[in-house]
């Protein structure tokens, strides 16, 4: 399924570019900003992915997939679940890093 332009922009900016920028910034004097950027981008990724795959009824919803092979559908469902878990774990890690940063201040 093709995403509309505003969602494509969100995916590129929040899900792809922001974590890379955060990873680069963590090695500079902008550690606080890097951790915030990582946390917000991973939280945004989690919310976007969970909404797209589990809440919004569309061709990307795991329960409303278009016709296709059972193997392809299983792969999509598995990858959606894996991404959701990874994004949530990343957001939680970002939150943990923020709490450590605030505590050490």
C-alpha atoms as a PDB file:
ATOM      1  CA  UNK A   1       0.000   0.000   0.000  1.00  0.00           C
ATOM      2  CA  UNK A   2       1.299   3.424  -0.897  1.00  0.00           C
ATOM      3  CA  UNK A   3       1.318   6.023   1.867  1.00  0.00           C
ATOM      4  CA  UNK A   4       0.041   9.559   1.262  1.00  0.00           C
ATOM      5  CA  UNK A   5       2.755  12.242   0.980  1.00  0.00           C
ATOM      6  CA  UNK A   6       2.332  13.547   4.540  1.00  0.00           C
ATOM      7  CA  UNK A   7       2.817  10.063   5.977  1.00  0.00           C
ATOM      8  CA  UNK A   8       5.828   9.444   3.737  1.00  0.00           C
ATOM      9  CA  UNK A   9       7.324  12.688   5.037  1.00  0.00           C
ATOM     10  CA  UNK A  10       6.645  11.603   8.621  1.00  0.00           C
ATOM     11  CA  UNK A  11       8.271   8.223   8.011  1.00  0.00           C
ATOM     12  CA  UNK A  12      11.403   9.730   6.498  1.00  0.00           C
ATOM     13  CA  UNK A  13      11.793  12.554   9.016  1.00  0.00           C
ATOM     14  CA  UNK A  14      10.726  10.905  12.279  1.00  0.00           C
ATOM     15  CA  UNK A  15      11.411   7.219  11.717  1.00  0.00           C
ATOM     16  CA  UNK A  16      14.487   7.313   9.467  1.00  0.00           C
ATOM     17  CA  UNK A  17      16.373  10.612   9.751  1.00  0.00           C
ATOM     18  CA  UNK A  18      15.745  11.667  13.374  1.00  0.00           C
ATOM     19  CA  UNK A  19      17.249   8.551  15.021  1.00  0.00           C
ATOM     20  CA  UNK A  20      20.319   8.798  12.790  1.00  0.00           C
ATOM     21  CA  UNK A  21      20.770  12.465  13.679  1.00  0.00           C
ATOM     22  CA  UNK A  22      20.292  11.586  17.358  1.00  0.00           C
ATOM     23  CA  UNK A  23      22.951   8.876  17.120  1.00  0.00           C
ATOM     24  CA  UNK A  24      25.377  11.347  15.583  1.00  0.00           C
ATOM     25  CA  UNK A  25      24.592  14.070  18.114  1.00  0.00           C
ATOM     26  CA  UNK A  26      25.157  11.797  21.090  1.00  0.00           C
ATOM     27  CA  UNK A  27      28.895  11.998  20.350  1.00  0.00           C
ATOM     28  CA  UNK A  28      28.886  15.797  20.581  1.00  0.00           C
ATOM     29  CA  UNK A  29      28.203  18.297  23.330  1.00  0.00           C
ATOM     30  CA  UNK A  30      24.500  18.070  22.435  1.00  0.00           C
ATOM     31  CA  UNK A  31      23.885  14.820  24.303  1.00  0.00           C
ATOM     32  CA  UNK A  32      20.740  16.095  26.015  1.00  0.00           C
ATOM     33  CA  UNK A  33      19.199  17.118  22.691  1.00  0.00           C
ATOM     34  CA  UNK A  34      20.292  13.843  21.121  1.00  0.00           C
ATOM     35  CA  UNK A  35      18.571  11.788  23.790  1.00  0.00           C
ATOM     36  CA  UNK A  36      15.414  13.876  23.543  1.00  0.00           C
ATOM     37  CA  UNK A  37      15.426  13.546  19.761  1.00  0.00           C
ATOM     38  CA  UNK A  38      15.907   9.782  20.005  1.00  0.00           C
ATOM     39  CA  UNK A  39      13.141   9.419  22.584  1.00  0.00           C
ATOM     40  CA  UNK A  40      10.634  11.538  20.662  1.00  0.00           C
ATOM     41  CA  UNK A  41      11.425   9.877  17.340  1.00  0.00           C
ATOM     42  CA  UNK A  42      11.110   6.367  18.763  1.00  0.00           C
ATOM     43  CA  UNK A  43       7.907   7.246  20.586  1.00  0.00           C
ATOM     44  CA  UNK A  44       6.563   8.749  17.365  1.00  0.00           C
ATOM     45  CA  UNK A  45       7.620   5.646  15.457  1.00  0.00           C
ATOM     46  CA  UNK A  46       5.864   3.402  17.941  1.00  0.00           C
ATOM     47  CA  UNK A  47       2.636   5.410  17.930  1.00  0.00           C
ATOM     48  CA  UNK A  48       2.614   5.682  14.133  1.00  0.00           C
ATOM     49  CA  UNK A  49       3.334   1.987  13.581  1.00  0.00           C
ATOM     50  CA  UNK A  50       0.911   0.746  16.218  1.00  0.00           C
ATOM     51  CA  UNK A  51      -1.819   2.997  14.852  1.00  0.00           C
ATOM     52  CA  UNK A  52      -1.203   2.003  11.230  1.00  0.00           C
ATOM     53  CA  UNK A  53      -0.986  -1.740  11.879  1.00  0.00           C
ATOM     54  CA  UNK A  54      -3.385  -2.299  14.765  1.00  0.00           C
ATOM     55  CA  UNK A  55      -5.926   0.543  14.985  1.00  0.00           C
ATOM     56  CA  UNK A  56      -6.561   2.190  11.600  1.00  0.00           C
ATOM     57  CA  UNK A  57      -8.583  -0.140   9.399  1.00  0.00           C
ATOM     58  CA  UNK A  58      -6.683  -0.180   6.114  1.00  0.00           C
ATOM     59  CA  UNK A  59      -4.677  -2.490   3.904  1.00  0.00           C
ATOM     60  CA  UNK A  60      -1.840  -2.137   6.464  1.00  0.00           C
ATOM     61  CA  UNK A  61      -3.957  -3.395   9.368  1.00  0.00           C
ATOM     62  CA  UNK A  62      -2.859  -6.876  10.409  1.00  0.00           C
ATOM     63  CA  UNK A  63      -6.453  -8.123  10.491  1.00  0.00           C
ATOM     64  CA  UNK A  64      -7.496  -6.549   7.178  1.00  0.00           C
ATOM     65  CA  UNK A  65      -4.730  -7.529   4.781  1.00  0.00           C
ATOM     66  CA  UNK A  66      -5.519  -7.786   1.083  1.00  0.00           C
ATOM     67  CA  UNK A  67      -5.742 -11.210  -0.479  1.00  0.00           C
ATOM     68  CA  UNK A  68      -2.428 -12.920  -0.906  1.00  0.00           C
ATOM     69  CA  UNK A  69      -0.496 -15.958   0.093  1.00  0.00           C
ATOM     70  CA  UNK A  70      -0.667 -17.090   3.682  1.00  0.00           C
ATOM     71  CA  UNK A  71       3.122 -16.930   3.887  1.00  0.00           C
ATOM     72  CA  UNK A  72       3.204 -13.295   2.760  1.00  0.00           C
ATOM     73  CA  UNK A  73       0.495 -12.356   5.236  1.00  0.00           C
ATOM     74  CA  UNK A  74       2.289 -14.177   8.044  1.00  0.00           C
ATOM     75  CA  UNK A  75       5.521 -12.386   7.168  1.00  0.00           C
ATOM     76  CA  UNK A  76       3.738  -9.015   7.230  1.00  0.00           C
ATOM     77  CA  UNK A  77       2.092  -9.745  10.578  1.00  0.00           C
ATOM     78  CA  UNK A  78       5.394 -10.933  12.062  1.00  0.00           C
ATOM     79  CA  UNK A  79       7.298  -7.907  10.803  1.00  0.00           C
ATOM     80  CA  UNK A  80       4.599  -5.531  12.082  1.00  0.00           C
ATOM     81  CA  UNK A  81       4.767  -7.146  15.516  1.00  0.00           C
ATOM     82  CA  UNK A  82       8.558  -7.132  15.534  1.00  0.00           C
ATOM     83  CA  UNK A  83       8.730  -3.471  14.556  1.00  0.00           C
ATOM     84  CA  UNK A  84       6.163  -2.534  17.186  1.00  0.00           C
ATOM     85  CA  UNK A  85       8.127  -4.303  19.913  1.00  0.00           C
ATOM     86  CA  UNK A  86      11.415  -2.792  18.727  1.00  0.00           C
ATOM     87  CA  UNK A  87       9.961   0.721  18.542  1.00  0.00           C
ATOM     88  CA  UNK A  88       8.428   0.412  22.000  1.00  0.00           C
ATOM     89  CA  UNK A  89      11.671  -0.958  23.445  1.00  0.00           C
ATOM     90  CA  UNK A  90      13.592   1.893  21.817  1.00  0.00           C
ATOM     91  CA  UNK A  91      11.193   4.496  23.206  1.00  0.00           C
ATOM     92  CA  UNK A  92      11.474   2.954  26.668  1.00  0.00           C
ATOM     93  CA  UNK A  93      15.261   2.968  26.380  1.00  0.00           C
ATOM     94  CA  UNK A  94      15.160   6.622  25.357  1.00  0.00           C
ATOM     95  CA  UNK A  95      12.974   7.361  28.371  1.00  0.00           C
ATOM     96  CA  UNK A  96      15.387   5.463  30.594  1.00  0.00           C
ATOM     97  CA  UNK A  97      18.313   7.475  29.215  1.00  0.00           C
ATOM     98  CA  UNK A  98      16.397  10.701  29.824  1.00  0.00           C
ATOM     99  CA  UNK A  99      15.677   9.714  33.405  1.00  0.00           C
ATOM    100  CA  UNK A 100      19.355   8.929  33.968  1.00  0.00           C
ATOM    101  CA  UNK A 101      20.372  12.201  32.386  1.00  0.00           C
ATOM    102  CA  UNK A 102      17.961  14.179  34.563  1.00  0.00           C
ATOM    103  CA  UNK A 103      19.037  12.306  37.692  1.00  0.00           C
ATOM    104  CA  UNK A 104      22.727  13.011  37.039  1.00  0.00           C
ATOM    105  CA  UNK A 105      22.167  16.696  36.559  1.00  0.00           C
END
